[in-house]
Amino acid sequence: MTPQQIEAYVGAAAPALGLTLDPAHRPGVLQFFALAAGMADAVDRVPLAPHDETAVHFTPISPEGTP
């Protein structure tokens, strides 16, 4: 998203969600929304085939490698 698109989206979405943005917080909100949009774009660019599926089960492990 371009900076203009992000400003327009935040400007429209905040009131639609009932949120009031303090003018002092707006630059930070725009910055973090741009960061999130960039992450979403990176995930969206990963090519997936029809046979790709989500994991059936995820089991986290400790950094040492033992559950």
N, C-alpha and C. Protein backbone atom coordinates (compact mmCIF):
# COMPACT_ATOMS: atom_id res chain seq x y z
N MET A 1 0.84 -1.18 0.00
CA MET A 1 0.00 0.00 0.00
C MET A 1 0.89 1.24 0.00
N THR A 2 0.43 2.24 -0.69
CA THR A 2 1.16 3.51 -0.69
C THR A 2 0.86 4.27 0.59
N PRO A 3 1.70 5.23 0.95
CA PRO A 3 1.41 6.03 2.14
C PRO A 3 0.04 6.72 2.06
N GLN A 4 -0.36 7.13 0.87
CA GLN A 4 -1.66 7.77 0.71
C GLN A 4 -2.80 6.77 0.95
N GLN A 5 -2.62 5.54 0.47
CA GLN A 5 -3.64 4.51 0.69
C GLN A 5 -3.74 4.16 2.17
N ILE A 6 -2.59 4.11 2.85
CA ILE A 6 -2.60 3.80 4.27
C ILE A 6 -3.31 4.91 5.05
N GLU A 7 -3.02 6.16 4.73
CA GLU A 7 -3.68 7.27 5.41
C GLU A 7 -5.19 7.22 5.18
N ALA A 8 -5.60 6.95 3.94
CA ALA A 8 -7.02 6.88 3.63
C ALA A 8 -7.68 5.72 4.37
N TYR A 9 -7.02 4.57 4.41
CA TYR A 9 -7.59 3.40 5.07
C TYR A 9 -7.74 3.65 6.56
N VAL A 10 -6.68 4.13 7.20
CA VAL A 10 -6.74 4.39 8.64
C VAL A 10 -7.79 5.47 8.92
N GLY A 11 -7.83 6.49 8.07
CA GLY A 11 -8.82 7.55 8.25
C GLY A 11 -10.25 7.07 8.15
N ALA A 12 -10.50 6.06 7.33
CA ALA A 12 -11.85 5.52 7.17
C ALA A 12 -12.14 4.40 8.17
N ALA A 13 -11.14 3.56 8.45
CA ALA A 13 -11.38 2.40 9.31
C ALA A 13 -11.56 2.77 10.78
N ALA A 14 -10.80 3.74 11.26
CA ALA A 14 -10.89 4.10 12.68
C ALA A 14 -12.31 4.51 13.07
N PRO A 15 -12.93 5.46 12.38
CA PRO A 15 -14.29 5.80 12.78
C PRO A 15 -15.29 4.66 12.54
N ALA A 16 -15.06 3.87 11.50
CA ALA A 16 -15.96 2.75 11.23
C ALA A 16 -15.92 1.73 12.37
N LEU A 17 -14.77 1.64 13.04
CA LEU A 17 -14.62 0.72 14.17
C LEU A 17 -14.93 1.40 15.50
N GLY A 18 -15.29 2.65 15.44
CA GLY A 18 -15.60 3.38 16.67
C GLY A 18 -14.37 3.82 17.44
N LEU A 19 -13.24 3.95 16.75
CA LEU A 19 -11.98 4.33 17.40
C LEU A 19 -11.72 5.81 17.18
N THR A 20 -11.26 6.46 18.22
CA THR A 20 -10.85 7.85 18.12
C THR A 20 -9.34 7.89 18.23
N LEU A 21 -8.67 8.38 17.19
CA LEU A 21 -7.22 8.46 17.21
C LEU A 21 -6.78 9.83 17.69
N ASP A 22 -5.99 9.85 18.74
CA ASP A 22 -5.39 11.09 19.21
C ASP A 22 -4.44 11.57 18.11
N PRO A 23 -4.51 12.83 17.73
CA PRO A 23 -3.62 13.32 16.67
C PRO A 23 -2.14 13.05 16.96
N ALA A 24 -1.75 13.02 18.22
CA ALA A 24 -0.36 12.74 18.57
C ALA A 24 0.01 11.28 18.28
N HIS A 25 -0.99 10.39 18.27
CA HIS A 25 -0.74 8.96 18.04
C HIS A 25 -0.82 8.58 16.58
N ARG A 26 -1.43 9.44 15.75
CA ARG A 26 -1.65 9.10 14.34
C ARG A 26 -0.38 8.71 13.59
N PRO A 27 0.74 9.44 13.75
CA PRO A 27 1.96 9.02 13.02
C PRO A 27 2.41 7.60 13.39
N GLY A 28 2.30 7.24 14.66
CA GLY A 28 2.68 5.89 15.07
C GLY A 28 1.74 4.83 14.52
N VAL A 29 0.45 5.14 14.52
CA VAL A 29 -0.55 4.21 13.97
C VAL A 29 -0.26 3.99 12.49
N LEU A 30 0.01 5.07 11.77
CA LEU A 30 0.31 4.94 10.34
C LEU A 30 1.59 4.14 10.12
N GLN A 31 2.59 4.36 10.95
CA GLN A 31 3.86 3.64 10.82
C GLN A 31 3.67 2.15 11.04
N PHE A 32 2.94 1.78 12.09
CA PHE A 32 2.76 0.36 12.37
C PHE A 32 1.79 -0.30 11.40
N PHE A 33 0.82 0.46 10.89
CA PHE A 33 -0.05 -0.10 9.86
C PHE A 33 0.75 -0.37 8.59
N ALA A 34 1.66 0.53 8.25
CA ALA A 34 2.52 0.31 7.07
C ALA A 34 3.39 -0.92 7.27
N LEU A 35 3.90 -1.11 8.48
CA LEU A 35 4.71 -2.29 8.79
C LEU A 35 3.88 -3.56 8.62
N ALA A 36 2.67 -3.55 9.17
CA ALA A 36 1.79 -4.73 9.05
C ALA A 36 1.41 -4.99 7.60
N ALA A 37 1.16 -3.93 6.84
CA ALA A 37 0.81 -4.10 5.43
C ALA A 37 1.99 -4.70 4.66
N GLY A 38 3.20 -4.29 5.00
CA GLY A 38 4.38 -4.87 4.36
C GLY A 38 4.54 -6.35 4.67
N MET A 39 4.27 -6.73 5.93
CA MET A 39 4.33 -8.15 6.30
C MET A 39 3.27 -8.95 5.57
N ALA A 40 2.07 -8.40 5.48
CA ALA A 40 0.99 -9.09 4.77
C ALA A 40 1.34 -9.26 3.30
N ASP A 41 1.97 -8.25 2.71
CA ASP A 41 2.38 -8.34 1.30
C ASP A 41 3.43 -9.43 1.12
N ALA A 42 4.37 -9.54 2.06
CA ALA A 42 5.39 -10.58 1.96
C ALA A 42 4.77 -11.97 2.03
N VAL A 43 3.81 -12.17 2.91
CA VAL A 43 3.13 -13.46 3.03
C VAL A 43 2.31 -13.73 1.77
N ASP A 44 1.66 -12.70 1.27
CA ASP A 44 0.81 -12.85 0.09
C ASP A 44 1.61 -13.22 -1.16
N ARG A 45 2.89 -12.87 -1.20
CA ARG A 45 3.72 -13.16 -2.37
C ARG A 45 4.25 -14.59 -2.38
N VAL A 46 4.05 -15.36 -1.32
CA VAL A 46 4.51 -16.75 -1.29
C VAL A 46 3.60 -17.57 -2.19
N PRO A 47 4.17 -18.19 -3.22
CA PRO A 47 3.32 -18.96 -4.12
C PRO A 47 2.82 -20.25 -3.46
N LEU A 48 1.55 -20.50 -3.60
CA LEU A 48 0.95 -21.72 -3.07
C LEU A 48 0.26 -22.46 -4.20
N ALA A 49 0.39 -23.76 -4.15
CA ALA A 49 -0.28 -24.60 -5.14
C ALA A 49 -1.56 -25.17 -4.52
N PRO A 50 -2.46 -25.67 -5.33
CA PRO A 50 -3.71 -26.22 -4.79
C PRO A 50 -3.48 -27.33 -3.76
N HIS A 51 -2.37 -28.07 -3.87
CA HIS A 51 -2.14 -29.17 -2.93
C HIS A 51 -1.51 -28.71 -1.62
N ASP A 52 -1.11 -27.44 -1.51
CA ASP A 52 -0.55 -26.94 -0.26
C ASP A 52 -1.66 -26.82 0.78
N GLU A 53 -1.38 -27.33 1.97
CA GLU A 53 -2.37 -27.29 3.04
C GLU A 53 -1.71 -26.77 4.31
N THR A 54 -2.54 -26.33 5.23
CA THR A 54 -2.03 -25.90 6.52
C THR A 54 -1.58 -27.12 7.32
N ALA A 55 -0.77 -26.89 8.31
CA ALA A 55 -0.31 -27.99 9.16
C ALA A 55 -1.50 -28.56 9.93
N VAL A 56 -1.50 -29.86 10.11
CA VAL A 56 -2.58 -30.51 10.85
C VAL A 56 -2.44 -30.21 12.33
N HIS A 57 -1.20 -30.20 12.82
CA HIS A 57 -0.96 -29.99 14.25
C HIS A 57 0.39 -29.32 14.41
N PHE A 58 0.45 -28.33 15.28
CA PHE A 58 1.70 -27.66 15.59
C PHE A 58 2.03 -27.88 17.04
N THR A 59 3.23 -28.41 17.31
CA THR A 59 3.68 -28.61 18.67
C THR A 59 4.94 -27.79 18.89
N PRO A 60 4.85 -26.72 19.67
CA PRO A 60 6.04 -25.91 19.93
C PRO A 60 7.03 -26.68 20.80
N ILE A 61 8.29 -26.40 20.64
CA ILE A 61 9.32 -27.01 21.48
C ILE A 61 10.16 -25.90 22.10
N SER A 62 10.83 -26.24 23.17
CA SER A 62 11.68 -25.25 23.82
C SER A 62 12.93 -25.02 22.98
N PRO A 63 13.65 -23.94 23.19
CA PRO A 63 14.86 -23.69 22.42
C PRO A 63 15.90 -24.81 22.54
N GLU A 64 15.85 -25.55 23.62
CA GLU A 64 16.80 -26.66 23.80
C GLU A 64 16.40 -27.89 23.00
N GLY A 65 15.21 -27.89 22.43
CA GLY A 65 14.78 -29.02 21.61
C GLY A 65 13.97 -30.06 22.35
N THR A 66 13.60 -29.81 23.59
CA THR A 66 12.77 -30.75 24.33
C THR A 66 11.43 -30.09 24.65
N PRO A 67 10.35 -30.82 24.55
CA PRO A 67 9.03 -30.24 24.83
C PRO A 67 8.84 -29.85 26.28
